[in-house]
Amino acid sequence: GTSRRLGSGALRALAPAGKTGTSNDSRDSWFAGYTGRHLAVAWVG
């Protein structure tokens, strides 16, 4: 999907799960994801 760089990059072995998001007019950019040990949400606005 839109976060496919995770499936082909250095984190591929972690088999991460997550979802990207963008608000109207690109005011906000977010990603929520997790691996076997950690979960984090990153936001840029």
PDB file of all heavy atoms in Angstrom:
ATOM      1  N   GLY A   1       0.830  -1.207   0.000  1.00  0.00           N
ATOM      2  CA  GLY A   1       0.000   0.000   0.000  1.00  0.00           C
ATOM      3  C   GLY A   1       0.859   1.250   0.000  1.00  0.00           C
ATOM      4  O   GLY A   1       2.009   1.247  -0.450  1.00  0.00           O
ATOM      5  N   THR A   2       0.317   2.331   0.538  1.00  0.00           N
ATOM      6  CA  THR A   2       1.053   3.595   0.544  1.00  0.00           C
ATOM      7  C   THR A   2       2.275   3.556   1.456  1.00  0.00           C
ATOM      8  O   THR A   2       3.157   4.393   1.323  1.00  0.00           O
ATOM      9  CB  THR A   2       0.137   4.763   0.972  1.00  0.00           C
ATOM     10  OG1 THR A   2      -0.438   4.461   2.237  1.00  0.00           O
ATOM     11  CG2 THR A   2      -0.944   5.017  -0.062  1.00  0.00           C
ATOM     12  N   SER A   3       2.341   2.586   2.353  1.00  0.00           N
ATOM     13  CA  SER A   3       3.523   2.450   3.216  1.00  0.00           C
ATOM     14  C   SER A   3       4.430   1.313   2.746  1.00  0.00           C
ATOM     15  O   SER A   3       5.206   0.769   3.516  1.00  0.00           O
ATOM     16  CB  SER A   3       3.101   2.247   4.672  1.00  0.00           C
ATOM     17  OG  SER A   3       2.197   1.180   4.796  1.00  0.00           O
ATOM     18  N   ARG A   4       4.374   0.990   1.449  1.00  0.00           N
ATOM     19  CA  ARG A   4       5.113  -0.150   0.913  1.00  0.00           C
ATOM     20  C   ARG A   4       6.624  -0.033   1.054  1.00  0.00           C
ATOM     21  O   ARG A   4       7.324  -1.034   0.960  1.00  0.00           O
ATOM     22  CB  ARG A   4       4.735  -0.413  -0.539  1.00  0.00           C
ATOM     23  CG  ARG A   4       5.101   0.673  -1.505  1.00  0.00           C
ATOM     24  CD  ARG A   4       4.548   0.367  -2.904  1.00  0.00           C
ATOM     25  NE  ARG A   4       4.556   1.543  -3.732  1.00  0.00           N
ATOM     26  CZ  ARG A   4       3.555   2.414  -3.799  1.00  0.00           C
ATOM     27  NH1 ARG A   4       2.473   2.237  -3.091  1.00  0.00           N
ATOM     28  NH2 ARG A   4       3.632   3.469  -4.579  1.00  0.00           N
ATOM     29  N   ARG A   5       7.139   1.148   1.300  1.00  0.00           N
ATOM     30  CA  ARG A   5       8.582   1.261   1.509  1.00  0.00           C
ATOM     31  C   ARG A   5       9.028   0.443   2.724  1.00  0.00           C
ATOM     32  O   ARG A   5      10.164   0.001   2.792  1.00  0.00           O
ATOM     33  CB  ARG A   5       9.017   2.717   1.622  1.00  0.00           C
ATOM     34  CG  ARG A   5       8.512   3.420   2.863  1.00  0.00           C
ATOM     35  CD  ARG A   5       8.895   4.893   2.965  1.00  0.00           C
ATOM     36  NE  ARG A   5      10.295   5.030   3.300  1.00  0.00           N
ATOM     37  CZ  ARG A   5      11.162   5.751   2.587  1.00  0.00           C
ATOM     38  NH1 ARG A   5      10.771   6.412   1.539  1.00  0.00           N
ATOM     39  NH2 ARG A   5      12.414   5.818   2.954  1.00  0.00           N
ATOM     40  N   LEU A   6       8.107   0.200   3.683  1.00  0.00           N
ATOM     41  CA  LEU A   6       8.450  -0.621   4.845  1.00  0.00           C
ATOM     42  C   LEU A   6       8.629  -2.085   4.457  1.00  0.00           C
ATOM     43  O   LEU A   6       9.411  -2.798   5.073  1.00  0.00           O
ATOM     44  CB  LEU A   6       7.363  -0.515   5.923  1.00  0.00           C
ATOM     45  CG  LEU A   6       7.177   0.850   6.559  1.00  0.00           C
ATOM     46  CD1 LEU A   6       6.038   0.803   7.562  1.00  0.00           C
ATOM     47  CD2 LEU A   6       8.465   1.321   7.207  1.00  0.00           C
ATOM     48  N   GLY A   7       7.892  -2.532   3.469  1.00  0.00           N
ATOM     49  CA  GLY A   7       7.971  -3.919   3.040  1.00  0.00           C
ATOM     50  C   GLY A   7       9.169  -4.230   2.184  1.00  0.00           C
ATOM     51  O   GLY A   7       9.465  -5.392   1.927  1.00  0.00           O
ATOM     52  N   SER A   8       9.867  -3.198   1.746  1.00  0.00           N
ATOM     53  CA  SER A   8      11.029  -3.436   0.895  1.00  0.00           C
ATOM     54  C   SER A   8      12.309  -2.845   1.487  1.00  0.00           C
ATOM     55  O   SER A   8      13.370  -3.023   0.928  1.00  0.00           O
ATOM     56  CB  SER A   8      10.793  -2.829  -0.497  1.00  0.00           C
ATOM     57  OG  SER A   8      10.595  -1.435  -0.390  1.00  0.00           O
ATOM     58  N   GLY A   9      12.215  -2.169   2.610  1.00  0.00           N
ATOM     59  CA  GLY A   9      13.372  -1.514   3.193  1.00  0.00           C
ATOM     60  C   GLY A   9      14.011  -2.302   4.318  1.00  0.00           C
ATOM     61  O   GLY A   9      13.793  -3.508   4.475  1.00  0.00           O
ATOM     62  N   ALA A  10      14.781  -1.593   5.131  1.00  0.00           N
ATOM     63  CA  ALA A  10      15.534  -2.211   6.215  1.00  0.00           C
ATOM     64  C   ALA A  10      14.633  -2.827   7.282  1.00  0.00           C
ATOM     65  O   ALA A  10      15.049  -3.748   7.982  1.00  0.00           O
ATOM     66  CB  ALA A  10      16.449  -1.169   6.852  1.00  0.00           C
ATOM     67  N   LEU A  11      13.399  -2.354   7.406  1.00  0.00           N
ATOM     68  CA  LEU A  11      12.497  -2.868   8.436  1.00  0.00           C
ATOM     69  C   LEU A  11      11.668  -4.058   7.958  1.00  0.00           C
ATOM     70  O   LEU A  11      10.836  -4.574   8.708  1.00  0.00           O
ATOM     71  CB  LEU A  11      11.561  -1.757   8.921  1.00  0.00           C
ATOM     72  CG  LEU A  11      12.245  -0.546   9.548  1.00  0.00           C
ATOM     73  CD1 LEU A  11      11.229   0.470   9.991  1.00  0.00           C
ATOM     74  CD2 LEU A  11      13.123  -0.969  10.711  1.00  0.00           C
ATOM     75  N   ARG A  12      11.890  -4.501   6.756  1.00  0.00           N
ATOM     76  CA  ARG A  12      11.110  -5.597   6.167  1.00  0.00           C
ATOM     77  C   ARG A  12      11.074  -6.829   7.069  1.00  0.00           C
ATOM     78  O   ARG A  12      10.038  -7.468   7.232  1.00  0.00           O
ATOM     79  CB  ARG A  12      11.690  -5.939   4.808  1.00  0.00           C
ATOM     80  CG  ARG A  12      11.037  -7.080   4.135  1.00  0.00           C
ATOM     81  CD  ARG A  12      11.669  -7.300   2.789  1.00  0.00           C
ATOM     82  NE  ARG A  12      11.381  -8.644   2.326  1.00  0.00           N
ATOM     83  CZ  ARG A  12      11.934  -9.192   1.302  1.00  0.00           C
ATOM     84  NH1 ARG A  12      12.826  -8.525   0.602  1.00  0.00           N
ATOM     85  NH2 ARG A  12      11.627 -10.401   0.942  1.00  0.00           N
ATOM     86  N   ALA A  13      12.189  -7.174   7.692  1.00  0.00           N
ATOM     87  CA  ALA A  13      12.264  -8.372   8.528  1.00  0.00           C
ATOM     88  C   ALA A  13      11.363  -8.278   9.761  1.00  0.00           C
ATOM     89  O   ALA A  13      11.016  -9.298  10.348  1.00  0.00           O
ATOM     90  CB  ALA A  13      13.706  -8.616   8.963  1.00  0.00           C
ATOM     91  N   LEU A  14      10.965  -7.080  10.143  1.00  0.00           N
ATOM     92  CA  LEU A  14      10.082  -6.915  11.303  1.00  0.00           C
ATOM     93  C   LEU A  14       8.624  -7.167  10.957  1.00  0.00           C
ATOM     94  O   LEU A  14       7.776  -7.208  11.851  1.00  0.00           O
ATOM     95  CB  LEU A  14      10.237  -5.509  11.893  1.00  0.00           C
ATOM     96  CG  LEU A  14      11.591  -5.191  12.517  1.00  0.00           C
ATOM     97  CD1 LEU A  14      11.631  -3.742  12.989  1.00  0.00           C
ATOM     98  CD2 LEU A  14      11.898  -6.146  13.656  1.00  0.00           C
ATOM     99  N   ALA A  15       8.306  -7.311   9.676  1.00  0.00           N
ATOM    100  CA  ALA A  15       6.926  -7.517   9.212  1.00  0.00           C
ATOM    101  C   ALA A  15       5.983  -6.496   9.852  1.00  0.00           C
ATOM    102  O   ALA A  15       4.971  -6.861  10.446  1.00  0.00           O
ATOM    103  CB  ALA A  15       6.460  -8.946   9.499  1.00  0.00           C
ATOM    104  N   PRO A  16       6.304  -5.197   9.724  1.00  0.00           N
ATOM    105  CA  PRO A  16       5.479  -4.185  10.393  1.00  0.00           C
ATOM    106  C   PRO A  16       4.073  -4.104   9.813  1.00  0.00           C
ATOM    107  O   PRO A  16       3.828  -4.489   8.671  1.00  0.00           O
ATOM    108  CB  PRO A  16       6.242  -2.884  10.131  1.00  0.00           C
ATOM    109  CG  PRO A  16       6.994  -3.139   8.869  1.00  0.00           C
ATOM    110  CD  PRO A  16       7.339  -4.604   8.892  1.00  0.00           C
ATOM    111  N   ALA A  17       3.171  -3.599  10.629  1.00  0.00           N
ATOM    112  CA  ALA A  17       1.787  -3.345  10.221  1.00  0.00           C
ATOM    113  C   ALA A  17       1.532  -1.864  10.424  1.00  0.00           C
ATOM    114  O   ALA A  17       1.990  -1.281  11.407  1.00  0.00           O
ATOM    115  CB  ALA A  17       0.826  -4.171  11.072  1.00  0.00           C
ATOM    116  N   GLY A  18       0.812  -1.230   9.501  1.00  0.00           N
ATOM    117  CA  GLY A  18       0.541   0.186   9.704  1.00  0.00           C
ATOM    118  C   GLY A  18      -0.248   0.812   8.587  1.00  0.00           C
ATOM    119  O   GLY A  18      -0.515   0.188   7.559  1.00  0.00           O
ATOM    120  N   LYS A  19      -0.601   2.057   8.809  1.00  0.00           N
ATOM    121  CA  LYS A  19      -1.437   2.806   7.865  1.00  0.00           C
ATOM    122  C   LYS A  19      -1.002   4.247   7.828  1.00  0.00           C
ATOM    123  O   LYS A  19      -0.781   4.869   8.860  1.00  0.00           O
ATOM    124  CB  LYS A  19      -2.906   2.710   8.308  1.00  0.00           C
ATOM    125  CG  LYS A  19      -3.874   3.416   7.399  1.00  0.00           C
ATOM    126  CD  LYS A  19      -4.019   2.679   6.070  1.00  0.00           C
ATOM    127  CE  LYS A  19      -5.000   3.377   5.137  1.00  0.00           C
ATOM    128  NZ  LYS A  19      -4.378   4.320   4.244  1.00  0.00           N
ATOM    129  N   THR A  20      -0.894   4.785   6.612  1.00  0.00           N
ATOM    130  CA  THR A  20      -0.592   6.206   6.426  1.00  0.00           C
ATOM    131  C   THR A  20      -1.894   7.001   6.372  1.00  0.00           C
ATOM    132  O   THR A  20      -2.970   6.441   6.159  1.00  0.00           O
ATOM    133  CB  THR A  20       0.159   6.459   5.110  1.00  0.00           C
ATOM    134  OG1 THR A  20      -0.673   6.040   4.032  1.00  0.00           O
ATOM    135  CG2 THR A  20       1.486   5.744   5.066  1.00  0.00           C
ATOM    136  N   GLY A  21      -1.758   8.289   6.514  1.00  0.00           N
ATOM    137  CA  GLY A  21      -2.907   9.164   6.362  1.00  0.00           C
ATOM    138  C   GLY A  21      -2.473  10.577   6.030  1.00  0.00           C
ATOM    139  O   GLY A  21      -1.386  11.016   6.412  1.00  0.00           O
ATOM    140  N   THR A  22      -3.323  11.273   5.297  1.00  0.00           N
ATOM    141  CA  THR A  22      -3.082  12.666   4.916  1.00  0.00           C
ATOM    142  C   THR A  22      -4.405  13.401   5.018  1.00  0.00           C
ATOM    143  O   THR A  22      -5.417  12.933   4.492  1.00  0.00           O
ATOM    144  CB  THR A  22      -2.569  12.751   3.461  1.00  0.00           C
ATOM    145  OG1 THR A  22      -1.457  11.875   3.302  1.00  0.00           O
ATOM    146  CG2 THR A  22      -2.173  14.177   3.107  1.00  0.00           C
ATOM    147  N   SER A  23      -4.401  14.548   5.685  1.00  0.00           N
ATOM    148  CA  SER A  23      -5.638  15.320   5.789  1.00  0.00           C
ATOM    149  C   SER A  23      -5.852  16.152   4.527  1.00  0.00           C
ATOM    150  O   SER A  23      -4.970  16.238   3.662  1.00  0.00           O
ATOM    151  CB  SER A  23      -5.601  16.236   7.017  1.00  0.00           C
ATOM    152  OG  SER A  23      -4.597  17.212   6.852  1.00  0.00           O
ATOM    153  N   ASN A  24      -7.017  16.770   4.434  1.00  0.00           N
ATOM    154  CA  ASN A  24      -7.319  17.645   3.298  1.00  0.00           C
ATOM    155  C   ASN A  24      -6.243  18.704   3.146  1.00  0.00           C
ATOM    156  O   ASN A  24      -5.733  19.226   4.121  1.00  0.00           O
ATOM    157  CB  ASN A  24      -8.674  18.320   3.507  1.00  0.00           C
ATOM    158  CG  ASN A  24      -9.804  17.319   3.498  1.00  0.00           C
ATOM    159  OD1 ASN A  24      -9.642  16.193   3.070  1.00  0.00           O
ATOM    160  ND2 ASN A  24     -10.944  17.744   3.991  1.00  0.00           N
ATOM    161  N   ASP A  25      -5.910  19.009   1.940  1.00  0.00           N
ATOM    162  CA  ASP A  25      -4.919  20.040   1.620  1.00  0.00           C
ATOM    163  C   ASP A  25      -3.533  19.735   2.188  1.00  0.00           C
ATOM    164  O   ASP A  25      -2.724  20.642   2.343  1.00  0.00           O
ATOM    165  CB  ASP A  25      -5.382  21.421   2.092  1.00  0.00           C
ATOM    166  CG  ASP A  25      -6.710  21.820   1.489  1.00  0.00           C
ATOM    167  OD1 ASP A  25      -6.940  21.504   0.301  1.00  0.00           O
ATOM    168  OD2 ASP A  25      -7.534  22.430   2.197  1.00  0.00           O
ATOM    169  N   SER A  26      -3.267  18.478   2.544  1.00  0.00           N
ATOM    170  CA  SER A  26      -1.955  18.054   3.065  1.00  0.00           C
ATOM    171  C   SER A  26      -1.503  18.850   4.286  1.00  0.00           C
ATOM    172  O   SER A  26      -0.318  19.089   4.483  1.00  0.00           O
ATOM    173  CB  SER A  26      -0.888  18.130   1.963  1.00  0.00           C
ATOM    174  OG  SER A  26      -1.211  17.254   0.918  1.00  0.00           O
ATOM    175  N   ARG A  27      -2.453  19.245   5.126  1.00  0.00           N
ATOM    176  CA  ARG A  27      -2.077  19.957   6.361  1.00  0.00           C
ATOM    177  C   ARG A  27      -1.463  19.004   7.374  1.00  0.00           C
ATOM    178  O   ARG A  27      -0.659  19.411   8.189  1.00  0.00           O
ATOM    179  CB  ARG A  27      -3.291  20.656   6.970  1.00  0.00           C
ATOM    180  CG  ARG A  27      -3.785  21.836   6.157  1.00  0.00           C
ATOM    181  CD  ARG A  27      -4.891  22.561   6.888  1.00  0.00           C
ATOM    182  NE  ARG A  27      -5.927  21.643   7.339  1.00  0.00           N
ATOM    183  CZ  ARG A  27      -7.139  21.534   6.802  1.00  0.00           C
ATOM    184  NH1 ARG A  27      -7.472  22.306   5.799  1.00  0.00           N
ATOM    185  NH2 ARG A  27      -8.018  20.687   7.271  1.00  0.00           N
ATOM    186  N   ASP A  28      -1.896  17.757   7.340  1.00  0.00           N
ATOM    187  CA  ASP A  28      -1.415  16.774   8.311  1.00  0.00           C
ATOM    188  C   ASP A  28      -0.974  15.512   7.581  1.00  0.00           C
ATOM    189  O   ASP A  28      -1.619  15.059   6.641  1.00  0.00           O
ATOM    190  CB  ASP A  28      -2.527  16.392   9.292  1.00  0.00           C
ATOM    191  CG  ASP A  28      -3.049  17.579  10.055  1.00  0.00           C
ATOM    192  OD1 ASP A  28      -2.342  18.025  10.967  1.00  0.00           O
ATOM    193  OD2 ASP A  28      -4.154  18.054   9.731  1.00  0.00           O
ATOM    194  N   SER A  29       0.113  14.954   8.062  1.00  0.00           N
ATOM    195  CA  SER A  29       0.645  13.690   7.562  1.00  0.00           C
ATOM    196  C   SER A  29       0.813  12.804   8.785  1.00  0.00           C
ATOM    197  O   SER A  29       1.393  13.222   9.784  1.00  0.00           O
ATOM    198  CB  SER A  29       2.003  13.952   6.900  1.00  0.00           C
ATOM    199  OG  SER A  29       2.774  12.779   6.809  1.00  0.00           O
ATOM    200  N   TRP A  30       0.286  11.571   8.736  1.00  0.00           N
ATOM    201  CA  TRP A  30       0.438  10.695   9.882  1.00  0.00           C
ATOM    202  C   TRP A  30       0.708   9.262   9.450  1.00  0.00           C
ATOM    203  O   TRP A  30       0.401   8.856   8.333  1.00  0.00           O
ATOM    204  CB  TRP A  30      -0.759  10.768  10.832  1.00  0.00           C
ATOM    205  CG  TRP A  30      -2.086  10.423  10.212  1.00  0.00           C
ATOM    206  CD1 TRP A  30      -2.986  11.289   9.678  1.00  0.00           C
ATOM    207  CD2 TRP A  30      -2.658   9.120  10.047  1.00  0.00           C
ATOM    208  NE1 TRP A  30      -4.074  10.601   9.201  1.00  0.00           N
ATOM    209  CE2 TRP A  30      -3.899   9.269   9.419  1.00  0.00           C
ATOM    210  CE3 TRP A  30      -2.232   7.832  10.369  1.00  0.00           C
ATOM    211  CZ2 TRP A  30      -4.719   8.187   9.107  1.00  0.00           C
ATOM    212  CZ3 TRP A  30      -3.050   6.755  10.058  1.00  0.00           C
ATOM    213  CH2 TRP A  30      -4.281   6.953   9.437  1.00  0.00           C
ATOM    214  N   PHE A  31       1.298   8.518  10.356  1.00  0.00           N
ATOM    215  CA  PHE A  31       1.472   7.085  10.177  1.00  0.00           C
ATOM    216  C   PHE A  31       1.352   6.427  11.534  1.00  0.00           C
ATOM    217  O   PHE A  31       1.988   6.846  12.501  1.00  0.00           O
ATOM    218  CB  PHE A  31       2.834   6.731   9.561  1.00  0.00           C
ATOM    219  CG  PHE A  31       3.002   5.246   9.373  1.00  0.00           C
ATOM    220  CD1 PHE A  31       2.378   4.601   8.321  1.00  0.00           C
ATOM    221  CD2 PHE A  31       3.751   4.497  10.266  1.00  0.00           C
ATOM    222  CE1 PHE A  31       2.500   3.220   8.154  1.00  0.00           C
ATOM    223  CE2 PHE A  31       3.875   3.119  10.106  1.00  0.00           C
ATOM    224  CZ  PHE A  31       3.246   2.488   9.051  1.00  0.00           C
ATOM    225  N   ALA A  32       0.511   5.408  11.621  1.00  0.00           N
ATOM    226  CA  ALA A  32       0.368   4.601  12.827  1.00  0.00           C
ATOM    227  C   ALA A  32       0.825   3.196  12.481  1.00  0.00           C
ATOM    228  O   ALA A  32       0.342   2.617  11.501  1.00  0.00           O
ATOM    229  CB  ALA A  32      -1.075   4.591  13.299  1.00  0.00           C
ATOM    230  N   GLY A  33       1.766   2.670  13.234  1.00  0.00           N
ATOM    231  CA  GLY A  33       2.278   1.343  12.917  1.00  0.00           C
ATOM    232  C   GLY A  33       2.851   0.640  14.123  1.00  0.00           C
ATOM    233  O   GLY A  33       3.129   1.248  15.158  1.00  0.00           O
ATOM    234  N   TYR A  34       3.039  -0.673  13.965  1.00  0.00           N
ATOM    235  CA  TYR A  34       3.573  -1.466  15.062  1.00  0.00           C
ATOM    236  C   TYR A  34       4.340  -2.670  14.542  1.00  0.00           C
ATOM    237  O   TYR A  34       4.179  -3.098  13.403  1.00  0.00           O
ATOM    238  CB  TYR A  34       2.470  -1.899  16.034  1.00  0.00           C
ATOM    239  CG  TYR A  34       1.260  -2.583  15.420  1.00  0.00           C
ATOM    240  CD1 TYR A  34       1.099  -3.962  15.498  1.00  0.00           C
ATOM    241  CD2 TYR A  34       0.269  -1.851  14.777  1.00  0.00           C
ATOM    242  CE1 TYR A  34      -0.018  -4.584  14.976  1.00  0.00           C
ATOM    243  CE2 TYR A  34      -0.857  -2.468  14.246  1.00  0.00           C
ATOM    244  CZ  TYR A  34      -0.994  -3.843  14.340  1.00  0.00           C
ATOM    245  OH  TYR A  34      -2.102  -4.457  13.812  1.00  0.00           O
ATOM    246  N   THR A  35       5.211  -3.165  15.407  1.00  0.00           N
ATOM    247  CA  THR A  35       5.976  -4.380  15.154  1.00  0.00           C
ATOM    248  C   THR A  35       5.663  -5.339  16.298  1.00  0.00           C
ATOM    249  O   THR A  35       4.705  -5.140  17.036  1.00  0.00           O
ATOM    250  CB  THR A  35       7.486  -4.074  15.098  1.00  0.00           C
ATOM    251  OG1 THR A  35       7.897  -3.590  16.372  1.00  0.00           O
ATOM    252  CG2 THR A  35       7.822  -3.058  14.016  1.00  0.00           C
ATOM    253  N   GLY A  36       6.501  -6.344  16.471  1.00  0.00           N
ATOM    254  CA  GLY A  36       6.261  -7.312  17.532  1.00  0.00           C
ATOM    255  C   GLY A  36       6.485  -6.783  18.933  1.00  0.00           C
ATOM    256  O   GLY A  36       6.079  -7.404  19.902  1.00  0.00           O
ATOM    257  N   ARG A  37       7.106  -5.624  19.079  1.00  0.00           N
ATOM    258  CA  ARG A  37       7.389  -5.103  20.414  1.00  0.00           C
ATOM    259  C   ARG A  37       6.941  -3.659  20.622  1.00  0.00           C
ATOM    260  O   ARG A  37       6.717  -3.250  21.766  1.00  0.00           O
ATOM    261  CB  ARG A  37       8.885  -5.205  20.692  1.00  0.00           C
ATOM    262  CG  ARG A  37       9.246  -4.720  22.093  1.00  0.00           C
ATOM    263  CD  ARG A  37      10.688  -4.897  22.417  1.00  0.00           C
ATOM    264  NE  ARG A  37      10.904  -6.289  22.814  1.00  0.00           N
ATOM    265  CZ  ARG A  37      12.095  -6.792  23.056  1.00  0.00           C
ATOM    266  NH1 ARG A  37      13.168  -6.051  22.908  1.00  0.00           N
ATOM    267  NH2 ARG A  37      12.228  -8.039  23.417  1.00  0.00           N
ATOM    268  N   HIS A  38       6.829  -2.868  19.572  1.00  0.00           N
ATOM    269  CA  HIS A  38       6.538  -1.443  19.741  1.00  0.00           C
ATOM    270  C   HIS A  38       5.401  -0.977  18.846  1.00  0.00           C
ATOM    271  O   HIS A  38       5.193  -1.520  17.765  1.00  0.00           O
ATOM    272  CB  HIS A  38       7.783  -0.600  19.409  1.00  0.00           C
ATOM    273  CG  HIS A  38       8.945  -0.894  20.282  1.00  0.00           C
ATOM    274  ND1 HIS A  38       9.957  -1.726  19.889  1.00  0.00           N
ATOM    275  CD2 HIS A  38       9.262  -0.479  21.533  1.00  0.00           C
ATOM    276  CE1 HIS A  38      10.856  -1.806  20.860  1.00  0.00           C
ATOM    277  NE2 HIS A  38      10.452  -1.070  21.862  1.00  0.00           N
ATOM    278  N   LEU A  39       4.733   0.064  19.307  1.00  0.00           N
ATOM    279  CA  LEU A  39       3.688   0.742  18.545  1.00  0.00           C
ATOM    280  C   LEU A  39       3.955   2.239  18.656  1.00  0.00           C
ATOM    281  O   LEU A  39       4.299   2.724  19.734  1.00  0.00           O
ATOM    282  CB  LEU A  39       2.307   0.430  19.126  1.00  0.00           C
ATOM    283  CG  LEU A  39       1.140   1.173  18.491  1.00  0.00           C
ATOM    284  CD1 LEU A  39      -0.068   0.269  18.399  1.00  0.00           C
ATOM    285  CD2 LEU A  39       0.790   2.432  19.278  1.00  0.00           C
ATOM    286  N   ALA A  40       3.808   2.960  17.549  1.00  0.00           N
ATOM    287  CA  ALA A  40       3.991   4.409  17.584  1.00  0.00           C
ATOM    288  C   ALA A  40       3.148   5.060  16.492  1.00  0.00           C
ATOM    289  O   ALA A  40       2.866   4.452  15.463  1.00  0.00           O
ATOM    290  CB  ALA A  40       5.466   4.788  17.384  1.00  0.00           C
ATOM    291  N   VAL A  41       2.763   6.289  16.767  1.00  0.00           N
ATOM    292  CA  VAL A  41       2.064   7.120  15.783  1.00  0.00           C
ATOM    293  C   VAL A  41       2.928   8.352  15.554  1.00  0.00           C
ATOM    294  O   VAL A  41       3.318   9.027  16.512  1.00  0.00           O
ATOM    295  CB  VAL A  41       0.665   7.540  16.268  1.00  0.00           C
ATOM    296  CG1 VAL A  41      -0.003   8.462  15.257  1.00  0.00           C
ATOM    297  CG2 VAL A  41      -0.194   6.318  16.550  1.00  0.00           C
ATOM    298  N   ALA A  42       3.250   8.618  14.302  1.00  0.00           N
ATOM    299  CA  ALA A  42       4.018   9.817  13.951  1.00  0.00           C
ATOM    300  C   ALA A  42       3.081  10.786  13.238  1.00  0.00           C
ATOM    301  O   ALA A  42       2.249  10.373  12.424  1.00  0.00           O
ATOM    302  CB  ALA A  42       5.184   9.447  13.034  1.00  0.00           C
ATOM    303  N   TRP A  43       3.210  12.056  13.563  1.00  0.00           N
ATOM    304  CA  TRP A  43       2.367  13.094  12.966  1.00  0.00           C
ATOM    305  C   TRP A  43       3.244  14.269  12.578  1.00  0.00           C
ATOM    306  O   TRP A  43       4.121  14.679  13.333  1.00  0.00           O
ATOM    307  CB  TRP A  43       1.292  13.542  13.949  1.00  0.00           C
ATOM    308  CG  TRP A  43       0.533  14.746  13.493  1.00  0.00           C
ATOM    309  CD1 TRP A  43      -0.476  14.794  12.589  1.00  0.00           C
ATOM    310  CD2 TRP A  43       0.743  16.105  13.930  1.00  0.00           C
ATOM    311  NE1 TRP A  43      -0.917  16.085  12.435  1.00  0.00           N
ATOM    312  CE2 TRP A  43      -0.189  16.904  13.247  1.00  0.00           C
ATOM    313  CE3 TRP A  43       1.620  16.704  14.822  1.00  0.00           C
ATOM    314  CZ2 TRP A  43      -0.261  18.285  13.429  1.00  0.00           C
ATOM    315  CZ3 TRP A  43       1.549  18.077  15.001  1.00  0.00           C
ATOM    316  CH2 TRP A  43       0.601  18.838  14.310  1.00  0.00           C
ATOM    317  N   VAL A  44       3.011  14.798  11.395  1.00  0.00           N
ATOM    318  CA  VAL A  44       3.660  16.020  10.936  1.00  0.00           C
ATOM    319  C   VAL A  44       2.534  16.939  10.498  1.00  0.00           C
ATOM    320  O   VAL A  44       1.698  16.568   9.673  1.00  0.00           O
ATOM    321  CB  VAL A  44       4.612  15.765   9.741  1.00  0.00           C
ATOM    322  CG1 VAL A  44       5.210  17.072   9.247  1.00  0.00           C
ATOM    323  CG2 VAL A  44       5.686  14.763  10.117  1.00  0.00           C
ATOM    324  N   GLY A  45       2.471  18.117  11.092  1.00  0.00           N
ATOM    325  CA  GLY A  45       1.401  19.040  10.751  1.00  0.00           C
ATOM    326  C   GLY A  45       1.873  20.479  10.823  1.00  0.00           C
ATOM    327  O   GLY A  45       2.982  20.770  11.252  1.00  0.00           O
TER     328      GLY A  45
END
